[in-house]
Amino acid sequence: MKRNLLTITILLLGFISANSQTIITFSANQADELEANAGSDTDITSGESVTLGESPSAIGGTEPYSYSWSNGSTEVSTEANPSVNPEATTSYTLVVTDNATCTATANVTISIVITGINDFTRDELNIYPNPATDRFTIDYRGENGSISLFSEQGKHLWTMPLSGKTTFSAPRIPGVYMLKINASGKESMRRIVVSK
């Protein structure tokens, strides 16, 4: 707890002496400002799990705390330090509420990184146009596979088969999306920008 001291000086004149003064000190306890700590941005490989938040994920304020983790569209957990396994790069928001109903917010991004060993070459996989407006094409030269589309927050939107040169409808909402391509024992995450 943070202690704030309030000092009041009162000048007493007359009965004691013309230059007397008395100092009265009052003290009041005030909680430190509530802070949320979502942790540091982290890179993981596909399939890995990661624990969100620091220990502790909240400081200051008035205990007990309640926690709400979301990925931009869905509540993920009400734990202080949940474990997550995102399929695409995902930003998480932590909202902490203390016993006095004060709130604090923090954000963290978990990025999926692909090691270059099993990624596709430009000759094997090409995505265009990027940025896209209403449609985009994936030119894939290899065995049949699948493609999944995720929002920037990591929400799975759809999965479709991938074979040869295929044209897909772009999402209606402009923004940055992630494409996850699985084929021939390889996996790749690619960004695609949708503009209108």
N, C-alpha and C. Protein backbone atom coordinates (compact mmCIF):
# COMPACT_ATOMS: atom_id res chain seq x y z
N MET A 1 0.83 -1.18 0.00
CA MET A 1 0.00 0.00 0.00
C MET A 1 0.88 1.24 0.00
N LYS A 2 0.44 2.24 -0.69
CA LYS A 2 1.15 3.50 -0.74
C LYS A 2 0.59 4.39 0.35
N ARG A 3 1.46 5.01 1.14
CA ARG A 3 1.00 5.88 2.22
C ARG A 3 1.22 7.32 1.80
N ASN A 4 0.14 8.09 1.78
CA ASN A 4 0.21 9.52 1.49
C ASN A 4 0.07 10.27 2.80
N LEU A 5 0.93 11.19 3.02
CA LEU A 5 0.89 11.99 4.24
C LEU A 5 0.34 13.37 3.92
N LEU A 6 -0.60 13.78 4.71
CA LEU A 6 -1.21 15.09 4.55
C LEU A 6 -0.80 15.90 5.77
N THR A 7 -0.15 17.00 5.55
CA THR A 7 0.34 17.82 6.66
C THR A 7 -0.40 19.15 6.68
N ILE A 8 -0.92 19.49 7.82
CA ILE A 8 -1.63 20.76 8.00
C ILE A 8 -0.92 21.53 9.09
N THR A 9 -0.60 22.76 8.78
CA THR A 9 0.03 23.62 9.77
C THR A 9 -0.99 24.65 10.24
N ILE A 10 -1.15 24.75 11.56
CA ILE A 10 -2.11 25.68 12.15
C ILE A 10 -1.32 26.69 12.99
N LEU A 11 -1.54 27.93 12.71
CA LEU A 11 -0.89 28.98 13.49
C LEU A 11 -1.80 29.35 14.66
N LEU A 12 -1.30 29.21 15.82
CA LEU A 12 -2.05 29.56 17.01
C LEU A 12 -1.56 30.93 17.48
N LEU A 13 -2.44 31.85 17.53
CA LEU A 13 -2.07 33.21 17.93
C LEU A 13 -2.77 33.58 19.22
N GLY A 14 -2.23 34.41 19.94
CA GLY A 14 -2.92 34.96 21.10
C GLY A 14 -2.46 34.37 22.40
N PHE A 15 -3.12 33.29 22.82
CA PHE A 15 -2.88 32.79 24.17
C PHE A 15 -1.48 32.25 24.39
N ILE A 16 -0.90 31.56 23.36
CA ILE A 16 0.40 30.95 23.61
C ILE A 16 1.50 31.97 23.37
N SER A 17 1.64 32.43 22.18
CA SER A 17 2.56 33.52 21.87
C SER A 17 2.29 33.96 20.44
N ALA A 18 2.80 35.04 20.07
CA ALA A 18 2.51 35.61 18.76
C ALA A 18 3.12 34.80 17.62
N ASN A 19 4.16 34.02 17.89
CA ASN A 19 4.84 33.29 16.82
C ASN A 19 4.75 31.77 16.98
N SER A 20 3.80 31.27 17.72
CA SER A 20 3.69 29.83 17.93
C SER A 20 3.01 29.16 16.75
N GLN A 21 3.37 27.92 16.52
CA GLN A 21 2.68 27.12 15.54
C GLN A 21 2.68 25.66 15.98
N THR A 22 1.63 24.94 15.58
CA THR A 22 1.51 23.52 15.90
C THR A 22 1.35 22.78 14.59
N ILE A 23 2.06 21.68 14.43
CA ILE A 23 1.97 20.87 13.23
C ILE A 23 1.17 19.62 13.56
N ILE A 24 0.10 19.40 12.80
CA ILE A 24 -0.74 18.22 12.96
C ILE A 24 -0.58 17.40 11.68
N THR A 25 -0.27 16.11 11.81
CA THR A 25 -0.06 15.25 10.65
C THR A 25 -1.13 14.17 10.62
N PHE A 26 -1.80 14.06 9.47
CA PHE A 26 -2.78 13.01 9.23
C PHE A 26 -2.18 12.05 8.21
N SER A 27 -2.43 10.78 8.35
CA SER A 27 -1.98 9.83 7.34
C SER A 27 -3.18 9.02 6.84
N ALA A 28 -3.16 8.71 5.56
CA ALA A 28 -4.24 7.93 4.95
C ALA A 28 -3.61 6.88 4.03
N ASN A 29 -4.15 5.68 4.07
CA ASN A 29 -3.65 4.62 3.20
C ASN A 29 -4.40 4.63 1.88
N GLN A 30 -3.65 4.58 0.81
CA GLN A 30 -4.23 4.56 -0.53
C GLN A 30 -3.52 3.48 -1.32
N ALA A 31 -4.27 2.62 -2.00
CA ALA A 31 -3.68 1.54 -2.77
C ALA A 31 -2.89 2.09 -3.95
N ASP A 32 -1.82 1.36 -4.31
CA ASP A 32 -1.08 1.70 -5.53
C ASP A 32 -2.01 1.55 -6.73
N GLU A 33 -1.69 2.23 -7.79
CA GLU A 33 -2.49 2.15 -9.01
C GLU A 33 -2.48 0.71 -9.54
N LEU A 34 -3.64 0.23 -9.97
CA LEU A 34 -3.78 -1.12 -10.51
C LEU A 34 -3.06 -1.21 -11.85
N GLU A 35 -2.27 -2.28 -12.03
CA GLU A 35 -1.57 -2.52 -13.28
C GLU A 35 -1.78 -3.95 -13.73
N ALA A 36 -2.02 -4.15 -15.03
CA ALA A 36 -2.12 -5.49 -15.62
C ALA A 36 -0.82 -5.79 -16.35
N ASN A 37 -0.38 -7.06 -16.29
CA ASN A 37 0.85 -7.44 -16.96
C ASN A 37 0.59 -8.69 -17.80
N ALA A 38 0.42 -8.49 -19.11
CA ALA A 38 0.11 -9.59 -20.02
C ALA A 38 1.35 -10.37 -20.44
N GLY A 39 2.54 -9.92 -20.04
CA GLY A 39 3.77 -10.59 -20.42
C GLY A 39 4.37 -10.00 -21.68
N SER A 40 5.42 -10.63 -22.16
CA SER A 40 6.14 -10.14 -23.33
C SER A 40 5.67 -10.85 -24.59
N ASP A 41 5.73 -10.14 -25.72
CA ASP A 41 5.44 -10.78 -27.00
C ASP A 41 6.37 -11.97 -27.16
N THR A 42 5.83 -13.08 -27.70
CA THR A 42 6.58 -14.33 -27.77
C THR A 42 6.41 -14.97 -29.13
N ASP A 43 7.49 -15.59 -29.63
CA ASP A 43 7.44 -16.37 -30.86
C ASP A 43 7.42 -17.84 -30.49
N ILE A 44 6.49 -18.61 -31.10
CA ILE A 44 6.45 -20.05 -30.90
C ILE A 44 6.30 -20.72 -32.26
N THR A 45 6.56 -22.01 -32.31
CA THR A 45 6.33 -22.74 -33.55
C THR A 45 4.94 -23.34 -33.51
N SER A 46 4.40 -23.67 -34.66
CA SER A 46 3.06 -24.23 -34.75
C SER A 46 2.95 -25.49 -33.90
N GLY A 47 1.88 -25.59 -33.10
CA GLY A 47 1.67 -26.74 -32.25
C GLY A 47 2.15 -26.54 -30.82
N GLU A 48 2.97 -25.54 -30.58
CA GLU A 48 3.46 -25.26 -29.23
C GLU A 48 2.40 -24.56 -28.39
N SER A 49 2.49 -24.74 -27.08
CA SER A 49 1.64 -24.01 -26.14
C SER A 49 2.49 -22.96 -25.44
N VAL A 50 1.83 -21.92 -24.93
CA VAL A 50 2.53 -20.87 -24.20
C VAL A 50 1.61 -20.38 -23.09
N THR A 51 2.21 -19.99 -21.96
CA THR A 51 1.44 -19.45 -20.84
C THR A 51 1.42 -17.94 -20.94
N LEU A 52 0.22 -17.36 -20.86
CA LEU A 52 0.06 -15.91 -20.98
C LEU A 52 0.26 -15.24 -19.62
N GLY A 53 0.71 -14.00 -19.64
CA GLY A 53 0.83 -13.20 -18.43
C GLY A 53 2.12 -13.43 -17.68
N GLU A 54 2.36 -12.55 -16.73
CA GLU A 54 3.51 -12.65 -15.85
C GLU A 54 3.04 -13.22 -14.52
N SER A 55 3.97 -13.40 -13.61
CA SER A 55 3.61 -13.85 -12.27
C SER A 55 4.10 -12.79 -11.29
N PRO A 56 3.22 -11.91 -10.83
CA PRO A 56 1.78 -11.92 -11.00
C PRO A 56 1.35 -11.16 -12.25
N SER A 57 0.10 -11.44 -12.68
CA SER A 57 -0.46 -10.75 -13.85
C SER A 57 -1.12 -9.43 -13.46
N ALA A 58 -1.23 -9.17 -12.14
CA ALA A 58 -1.81 -7.91 -11.67
C ALA A 58 -1.07 -7.48 -10.41
N ILE A 59 -0.82 -6.18 -10.30
CA ILE A 59 -0.23 -5.61 -9.09
C ILE A 59 -0.96 -4.31 -8.77
N GLY A 60 -0.85 -3.90 -7.51
CA GLY A 60 -1.51 -2.67 -7.08
C GLY A 60 -2.99 -2.90 -6.88
N GLY A 61 -3.75 -1.81 -6.81
CA GLY A 61 -5.18 -1.92 -6.63
C GLY A 61 -5.53 -2.58 -5.32
N THR A 62 -6.73 -3.14 -5.26
CA THR A 62 -7.22 -3.80 -4.06
C THR A 62 -7.58 -5.24 -4.39
N GLU A 63 -6.90 -6.18 -3.75
CA GLU A 63 -7.20 -7.60 -3.98
C GLU A 63 -8.56 -7.95 -3.40
N PRO A 64 -9.22 -9.01 -3.90
CA PRO A 64 -8.80 -9.94 -4.95
C PRO A 64 -9.06 -9.37 -6.34
N TYR A 65 -8.40 -10.01 -7.33
CA TYR A 65 -8.53 -9.59 -8.71
C TYR A 65 -9.37 -10.59 -9.49
N SER A 66 -10.00 -10.12 -10.56
CA SER A 66 -10.60 -11.01 -11.55
C SER A 66 -9.93 -10.72 -12.89
N TYR A 67 -9.82 -11.77 -13.73
CA TYR A 67 -9.08 -11.68 -14.97
C TYR A 67 -9.98 -12.05 -16.14
N SER A 68 -9.77 -11.38 -17.27
CA SER A 68 -10.48 -11.73 -18.50
C SER A 68 -9.50 -11.60 -19.67
N TRP A 69 -9.19 -12.74 -20.28
CA TRP A 69 -8.32 -12.78 -21.47
C TRP A 69 -9.20 -12.96 -22.70
N SER A 70 -8.94 -12.17 -23.74
CA SER A 70 -9.68 -12.35 -25.00
C SER A 70 -8.72 -12.24 -26.17
N ASN A 71 -9.16 -12.77 -27.32
CA ASN A 71 -8.33 -12.70 -28.52
C ASN A 71 -8.88 -11.70 -29.53
N GLY A 72 -9.68 -10.75 -29.06
CA GLY A 72 -10.25 -9.73 -29.93
C GLY A 72 -11.69 -9.99 -30.27
N SER A 73 -12.09 -11.27 -30.30
CA SER A 73 -13.48 -11.59 -30.61
C SER A 73 -14.09 -12.57 -29.62
N THR A 74 -13.26 -13.31 -28.89
CA THR A 74 -13.74 -14.35 -28.00
C THR A 74 -13.01 -14.29 -26.67
N GLU A 75 -13.74 -14.51 -25.56
CA GLU A 75 -13.06 -14.63 -24.27
C GLU A 75 -12.33 -15.96 -24.25
N VAL A 76 -11.07 -15.92 -23.88
CA VAL A 76 -10.22 -17.10 -23.90
C VAL A 76 -10.18 -17.77 -22.54
N SER A 77 -10.07 -16.96 -21.46
CA SER A 77 -9.93 -17.53 -20.13
C SER A 77 -10.21 -16.47 -19.07
N THR A 78 -10.55 -16.96 -17.86
CA THR A 78 -10.68 -16.08 -16.70
C THR A 78 -9.60 -16.41 -15.66
N GLU A 79 -8.59 -17.17 -16.07
CA GLU A 79 -7.45 -17.48 -15.21
C GLU A 79 -6.42 -16.36 -15.28
N ALA A 80 -5.58 -16.29 -14.26
CA ALA A 80 -4.52 -15.29 -14.25
C ALA A 80 -3.47 -15.59 -15.31
N ASN A 81 -3.13 -16.87 -15.49
CA ASN A 81 -2.09 -17.28 -16.43
C ASN A 81 -2.53 -18.51 -17.23
N PRO A 82 -3.41 -18.30 -18.21
CA PRO A 82 -3.88 -19.45 -18.99
C PRO A 82 -2.83 -19.93 -19.99
N SER A 83 -2.94 -21.19 -20.36
CA SER A 83 -2.10 -21.76 -21.40
C SER A 83 -2.89 -21.75 -22.71
N VAL A 84 -2.27 -21.28 -23.79
CA VAL A 84 -2.94 -21.22 -25.09
C VAL A 84 -2.09 -21.90 -26.14
N ASN A 85 -2.73 -22.33 -27.21
CA ASN A 85 -2.07 -23.01 -28.32
C ASN A 85 -2.63 -22.46 -29.62
N PRO A 86 -2.28 -21.21 -29.99
CA PRO A 86 -2.88 -20.60 -31.18
C PRO A 86 -2.38 -21.27 -32.46
N GLU A 87 -3.26 -21.32 -33.46
CA GLU A 87 -2.88 -21.89 -34.76
C GLU A 87 -2.27 -20.84 -35.68
N ALA A 88 -2.48 -19.56 -35.35
CA ALA A 88 -1.92 -18.46 -36.14
C ALA A 88 -1.48 -17.37 -35.17
N THR A 89 -0.72 -16.42 -35.65
CA THR A 89 -0.30 -15.29 -34.82
C THR A 89 -1.54 -14.63 -34.23
N THR A 90 -1.54 -14.46 -32.90
CA THR A 90 -2.73 -13.98 -32.20
C THR A 90 -2.35 -12.93 -31.17
N SER A 91 -3.15 -11.86 -31.10
CA SER A 91 -2.99 -10.84 -30.07
C SER A 91 -4.02 -11.11 -28.98
N TYR A 92 -3.56 -11.09 -27.73
CA TYR A 92 -4.44 -11.33 -26.58
C TYR A 92 -4.50 -10.06 -25.73
N THR A 93 -5.68 -9.78 -25.18
CA THR A 93 -5.88 -8.64 -24.30
C THR A 93 -6.26 -9.14 -22.92
N LEU A 94 -5.58 -8.63 -21.90
CA LEU A 94 -5.88 -8.96 -20.51
C LEU A 94 -6.56 -7.75 -19.87
N VAL A 95 -7.74 -7.97 -19.27
CA VAL A 95 -8.41 -6.94 -18.48
C VAL A 95 -8.46 -7.45 -17.04
N VAL A 96 -7.87 -6.69 -16.13
CA VAL A 96 -7.88 -7.03 -14.71
C VAL A 96 -8.82 -6.07 -14.01
N THR A 97 -9.69 -6.62 -13.15
CA THR A 97 -10.60 -5.82 -12.33
C THR A 97 -10.30 -6.13 -10.87
N ASP A 98 -10.13 -5.08 -10.06
CA ASP A 98 -9.84 -5.33 -8.64
C ASP A 98 -11.11 -5.25 -7.81
N ASN A 99 -10.97 -5.41 -6.50
CA ASN A 99 -12.12 -5.45 -5.59
C ASN A 99 -12.84 -4.11 -5.51
N ALA A 100 -12.17 -3.02 -5.91
CA ALA A 100 -12.78 -1.69 -5.90
C ALA A 100 -13.35 -1.35 -7.28
N THR A 101 -13.46 -2.34 -8.17
CA THR A 101 -13.95 -2.23 -9.55
C THR A 101 -13.09 -1.32 -10.44
N CYS A 102 -11.84 -1.12 -10.06
CA CYS A 102 -10.91 -0.43 -10.96
C CYS A 102 -10.43 -1.46 -11.99
N THR A 103 -10.14 -1.00 -13.21
CA THR A 103 -9.67 -1.91 -14.25
C THR A 103 -8.35 -1.45 -14.83
N ALA A 104 -7.59 -2.40 -15.34
CA ALA A 104 -6.34 -2.13 -16.05
C ALA A 104 -6.26 -3.12 -17.20
N THR A 105 -5.64 -2.70 -18.30
CA THR A 105 -5.58 -3.50 -19.52
C THR A 105 -4.15 -3.61 -20.01
N ALA A 106 -3.81 -4.77 -20.58
CA ALA A 106 -2.50 -4.98 -21.20
C ALA A 106 -2.67 -5.94 -22.37
N ASN A 107 -1.75 -5.87 -23.33
CA ASN A 107 -1.82 -6.71 -24.53
C ASN A 107 -0.52 -7.48 -24.73
N VAL A 108 -0.64 -8.62 -25.40
CA VAL A 108 0.54 -9.42 -25.76
C VAL A 108 0.23 -10.12 -27.08
N THR A 109 1.25 -10.30 -27.92
CA THR A 109 1.08 -10.99 -29.20
C THR A 109 1.93 -12.25 -29.19
N ILE A 110 1.30 -13.36 -29.53
CA ILE A 110 1.99 -14.64 -29.68
C ILE A 110 2.10 -14.90 -31.18
N SER A 111 3.33 -14.91 -31.69
CA SER A 111 3.56 -15.07 -33.13
C SER A 111 3.96 -16.50 -33.44
N ILE A 112 3.37 -17.05 -34.50
CA ILE A 112 3.74 -18.37 -34.98
C ILE A 112 4.85 -18.19 -35.99
N VAL A 113 5.98 -18.81 -35.73
CA VAL A 113 7.11 -18.73 -36.66
C VAL A 113 7.29 -20.08 -37.33
N ILE A 114 7.67 -20.02 -38.56
CA ILE A 114 7.90 -21.23 -39.33
C ILE A 114 9.39 -21.36 -39.58
N THR A 115 9.95 -22.50 -39.21
CA THR A 115 11.36 -22.71 -39.53
C THR A 115 11.45 -22.90 -41.05
N GLY A 116 12.48 -22.37 -41.64
CA GLY A 116 12.59 -22.38 -43.10
C GLY A 116 12.77 -23.75 -43.71
N ILE A 117 13.04 -24.78 -42.91
CA ILE A 117 13.35 -26.10 -43.46
C ILE A 117 12.17 -26.68 -44.22
N ASN A 118 10.97 -26.60 -43.66
CA ASN A 118 9.81 -27.23 -44.30
C ASN A 118 8.89 -26.23 -44.99
N ASP A 119 9.35 -25.04 -45.25
CA ASP A 119 8.51 -24.05 -45.91
C ASP A 119 8.54 -24.28 -47.42
N PHE A 120 7.59 -23.66 -48.11
CA PHE A 120 7.50 -23.77 -49.55
C PHE A 120 8.39 -22.73 -50.22
N THR A 121 8.94 -23.09 -51.38
CA THR A 121 9.69 -22.11 -52.16
C THR A 121 8.70 -21.28 -52.96
N ARG A 122 9.17 -20.18 -53.53
CA ARG A 122 8.32 -19.32 -54.35
C ARG A 122 7.81 -20.07 -55.59
N ASP A 123 8.63 -21.01 -56.10
CA ASP A 123 8.20 -21.80 -57.25
C ASP A 123 7.08 -22.77 -56.89
N GLU A 124 7.04 -23.23 -55.64
CA GLU A 124 6.00 -24.17 -55.21
C GLU A 124 4.70 -23.48 -54.82
N LEU A 125 4.80 -22.27 -54.24
CA LEU A 125 3.61 -21.61 -53.69
C LEU A 125 3.69 -20.11 -53.95
N ASN A 126 2.65 -19.59 -54.60
CA ASN A 126 2.60 -18.17 -54.88
C ASN A 126 1.17 -17.67 -54.61
N ILE A 127 1.05 -16.56 -53.86
CA ILE A 127 -0.26 -16.00 -53.51
C ILE A 127 -0.35 -14.60 -54.10
N TYR A 128 -1.42 -14.34 -54.87
CA TYR A 128 -1.57 -13.03 -55.51
C TYR A 128 -3.03 -12.75 -55.79
N PRO A 129 -3.46 -11.51 -55.98
CA PRO A 129 -2.71 -10.30 -55.62
C PRO A 129 -2.68 -10.14 -54.10
N ASN A 130 -1.70 -9.46 -53.64
CA ASN A 130 -1.56 -9.19 -52.21
C ASN A 130 -0.98 -7.79 -52.05
N PRO A 131 -1.81 -6.79 -51.71
CA PRO A 131 -3.15 -6.84 -51.16
C PRO A 131 -4.19 -7.31 -52.18
N ALA A 132 -5.26 -7.92 -51.63
CA ALA A 132 -6.37 -8.40 -52.44
C ALA A 132 -7.59 -7.53 -52.17
N THR A 133 -8.55 -7.57 -53.09
CA THR A 133 -9.81 -6.83 -52.87
C THR A 133 -10.94 -7.84 -52.66
N ASP A 134 -11.44 -8.44 -53.73
CA ASP A 134 -12.55 -9.37 -53.57
C ASP A 134 -12.14 -10.84 -53.74
N ARG A 135 -11.00 -11.09 -54.39
CA ARG A 135 -10.53 -12.46 -54.61
C ARG A 135 -9.01 -12.50 -54.55
N PHE A 136 -8.47 -13.69 -54.23
CA PHE A 136 -7.03 -13.90 -54.32
C PHE A 136 -6.80 -15.32 -54.84
N THR A 137 -5.66 -15.52 -55.46
CA THR A 137 -5.34 -16.80 -56.08
C THR A 137 -4.12 -17.40 -55.41
N ILE A 138 -4.17 -18.71 -55.20
CA ILE A 138 -3.02 -19.46 -54.71
C ILE A 138 -2.60 -20.41 -55.81
N ASP A 139 -1.39 -20.22 -56.28
CA ASP A 139 -0.81 -21.10 -57.31
C ASP A 139 0.12 -22.06 -56.59
N TYR A 140 -0.34 -23.30 -56.44
CA TYR A 140 0.42 -24.30 -55.69
C TYR A 140 0.83 -25.43 -56.63
N ARG A 141 2.12 -25.69 -56.69
CA ARG A 141 2.65 -26.75 -57.55
C ARG A 141 3.19 -27.88 -56.67
N GLY A 142 2.29 -28.77 -56.32
CA GLY A 142 2.67 -29.90 -55.47
C GLY A 142 1.48 -30.80 -55.25
N GLU A 143 1.63 -31.73 -54.30
CA GLU A 143 0.54 -32.65 -53.98
C GLU A 143 -0.60 -31.91 -53.31
N ASN A 144 -1.78 -32.54 -53.32
CA ASN A 144 -2.96 -31.93 -52.71
C ASN A 144 -2.71 -31.64 -51.23
N GLY A 145 -3.31 -30.56 -50.77
CA GLY A 145 -3.17 -30.17 -49.38
C GLY A 145 -4.40 -29.42 -48.91
N SER A 146 -4.21 -28.59 -47.90
CA SER A 146 -5.32 -27.79 -47.38
C SER A 146 -4.83 -26.39 -47.06
N ILE A 147 -5.78 -25.47 -47.07
CA ILE A 147 -5.49 -24.08 -46.71
C ILE A 147 -6.53 -23.63 -45.71
N SER A 148 -6.07 -22.92 -44.66
CA SER A 148 -6.97 -22.38 -43.63
C SER A 148 -6.77 -20.88 -43.55
N LEU A 149 -7.85 -20.15 -43.33
CA LEU A 149 -7.79 -18.70 -43.20
C LEU A 149 -8.12 -18.32 -41.77
N PHE A 150 -7.30 -17.40 -41.19
CA PHE A 150 -7.48 -16.93 -39.82
C PHE A 150 -7.51 -15.41 -39.82
N SER A 151 -8.29 -14.85 -38.90
CA SER A 151 -8.24 -13.40 -38.70
C SER A 151 -6.92 -13.05 -38.03
N GLU A 152 -6.60 -11.77 -37.97
CA GLU A 152 -5.35 -11.34 -37.34
C GLU A 152 -5.34 -11.69 -35.85
N GLN A 153 -6.52 -11.82 -35.24
CA GLN A 153 -6.62 -12.18 -33.83
C GLN A 153 -6.54 -13.68 -33.63
N GLY A 154 -6.44 -14.47 -34.71
CA GLY A 154 -6.29 -15.91 -34.60
C GLY A 154 -7.57 -16.70 -34.71
N LYS A 155 -8.69 -16.06 -35.03
CA LYS A 155 -9.97 -16.77 -35.17
C LYS A 155 -9.98 -17.54 -36.49
N HIS A 156 -10.27 -18.84 -36.41
CA HIS A 156 -10.34 -19.69 -37.60
C HIS A 156 -11.59 -19.33 -38.40
N LEU A 157 -11.43 -18.99 -39.68
CA LEU A 157 -12.55 -18.59 -40.52
C LEU A 157 -13.02 -19.71 -41.44
N TRP A 158 -12.08 -20.43 -42.07
CA TRP A 158 -12.44 -21.57 -42.90
C TRP A 158 -11.20 -22.39 -43.25
N THR A 159 -11.46 -23.65 -43.67
CA THR A 159 -10.43 -24.54 -44.19
C THR A 159 -10.97 -25.14 -45.48
N MET A 160 -10.12 -25.16 -46.53
CA MET A 160 -10.53 -25.70 -47.83
C MET A 160 -9.40 -26.52 -48.43
N PRO A 161 -9.75 -27.43 -49.35
CA PRO A 161 -8.69 -28.20 -50.02
C PRO A 161 -7.88 -27.29 -50.95
N LEU A 162 -6.63 -27.67 -51.16
CA LEU A 162 -5.75 -26.89 -52.03
C LEU A 162 -5.14 -27.83 -53.05
N SER A 163 -5.31 -27.48 -54.32
CA SER A 163 -4.76 -28.30 -55.40
C SER A 163 -4.56 -27.40 -56.61
N GLY A 164 -3.33 -27.33 -57.07
CA GLY A 164 -3.03 -26.55 -58.27
C GLY A 164 -3.29 -25.06 -58.07
N LYS A 165 -3.85 -24.42 -59.08
CA LYS A 165 -4.14 -23.00 -59.05
C LYS A 165 -5.61 -22.82 -58.66
N THR A 166 -5.84 -22.19 -57.50
CA THR A 166 -7.19 -22.05 -56.97
C THR A 166 -7.45 -20.60 -56.59
N THR A 167 -8.64 -20.11 -56.92
CA THR A 167 -9.04 -18.74 -56.56
C THR A 167 -10.05 -18.80 -55.42
N PHE A 168 -9.83 -17.95 -54.42
CA PHE A 168 -10.68 -17.90 -53.24
C PHE A 168 -11.31 -16.52 -53.10
N SER A 169 -12.49 -16.48 -52.50
CA SER A 169 -13.12 -15.19 -52.17
C SER A 169 -12.42 -14.59 -50.96
N ALA A 170 -12.12 -13.32 -51.05
CA ALA A 170 -11.48 -12.63 -49.92
C ALA A 170 -12.53 -12.29 -48.87
N PRO A 171 -12.15 -12.19 -47.60
CA PRO A 171 -13.10 -11.76 -46.57
C PRO A 171 -13.67 -10.39 -46.90
N ARG A 172 -14.89 -10.15 -46.47
CA ARG A 172 -15.56 -8.87 -46.77
C ARG A 172 -15.00 -7.71 -45.96
N ILE A 173 -14.43 -8.01 -44.78
CA ILE A 173 -13.93 -6.96 -43.90
C ILE A 173 -12.45 -6.72 -44.20
N PRO A 174 -12.06 -5.49 -44.55
CA PRO A 174 -10.65 -5.21 -44.82
C PRO A 174 -9.79 -5.48 -43.59
N GLY A 175 -8.56 -5.87 -43.80
CA GLY A 175 -7.64 -6.11 -42.69
C GLY A 175 -6.54 -7.07 -43.09
N VAL A 176 -5.77 -7.50 -42.08
CA VAL A 176 -4.68 -8.45 -42.29
C VAL A 176 -5.17 -9.83 -41.86
N TYR A 177 -4.97 -10.82 -42.70
CA TYR A 177 -5.38 -12.19 -42.43
C TYR A 177 -4.17 -13.11 -42.57
N MET A 178 -4.28 -14.29 -41.96
CA MET A 178 -3.21 -15.28 -42.04
C MET A 178 -3.71 -16.51 -42.79
N LEU A 179 -2.90 -16.99 -43.72
CA LEU A 179 -3.19 -18.22 -44.45
C LEU A 179 -2.25 -19.30 -43.96
N LYS A 180 -2.81 -20.45 -43.58
CA LYS A 180 -2.00 -21.59 -43.15
C LYS A 180 -2.13 -22.67 -44.22
N ILE A 181 -1.01 -23.01 -44.86
CA ILE A 181 -1.01 -23.98 -45.94
C ILE A 181 -0.30 -25.24 -45.47
N ASN A 182 -0.97 -26.39 -45.60
CA ASN A 182 -0.40 -27.70 -45.26
C ASN A 182 -0.46 -28.58 -46.49
N ALA A 183 0.69 -29.07 -46.94
CA ALA A 183 0.74 -29.97 -48.10
C ALA A 183 2.12 -30.58 -48.19
N SER A 184 2.19 -31.79 -48.67
CA SER A 184 3.46 -32.47 -48.92
C SER A 184 4.37 -32.50 -47.70
N GLY A 185 3.80 -32.59 -46.51
CA GLY A 185 4.60 -32.61 -45.28
C GLY A 185 5.20 -31.27 -44.92
N LYS A 186 4.75 -30.22 -45.59
CA LYS A 186 5.25 -28.87 -45.31
C LYS A 186 4.11 -28.02 -44.77
N GLU A 187 4.51 -26.95 -44.08
CA GLU A 187 3.52 -26.02 -43.53
C GLU A 187 4.05 -24.61 -43.68
N SER A 188 3.16 -23.70 -44.01
CA SER A 188 3.57 -22.30 -44.18
C SER A 188 2.47 -21.39 -43.67
N MET A 189 2.87 -20.30 -43.03
CA MET A 189 1.95 -19.25 -42.63
C MET A 189 2.28 -18.04 -43.49
N ARG A 190 1.28 -17.51 -44.18
CA ARG A 190 1.47 -16.33 -45.02
C ARG A 190 0.44 -15.29 -44.68
N ARG A 191 0.87 -14.03 -44.70
CA ARG A 191 -0.06 -12.91 -44.48
C ARG A 191 -0.68 -12.50 -45.80
N ILE A 192 -1.96 -12.13 -45.73
CA ILE A 192 -2.59 -11.54 -46.90
C ILE A 192 -3.40 -10.33 -46.43
N VAL A 193 -3.25 -9.23 -47.12
CA VAL A 193 -3.94 -7.99 -46.78
C VAL A 193 -5.15 -7.87 -47.68
N VAL A 194 -6.29 -7.59 -47.05
CA VAL A 194 -7.53 -7.39 -47.82
C VAL A 194 -7.90 -5.92 -47.72
N SER A 195 -8.01 -5.27 -48.86
CA SER A 195 -8.41 -3.86 -48.90
C SER A 195 -9.62 -3.73 -49.80
N LYS A 196 -10.42 -2.73 -49.56
CA LYS A 196 -11.64 -2.53 -50.37
C LYS A 196 -11.56 -1.18 -51.08
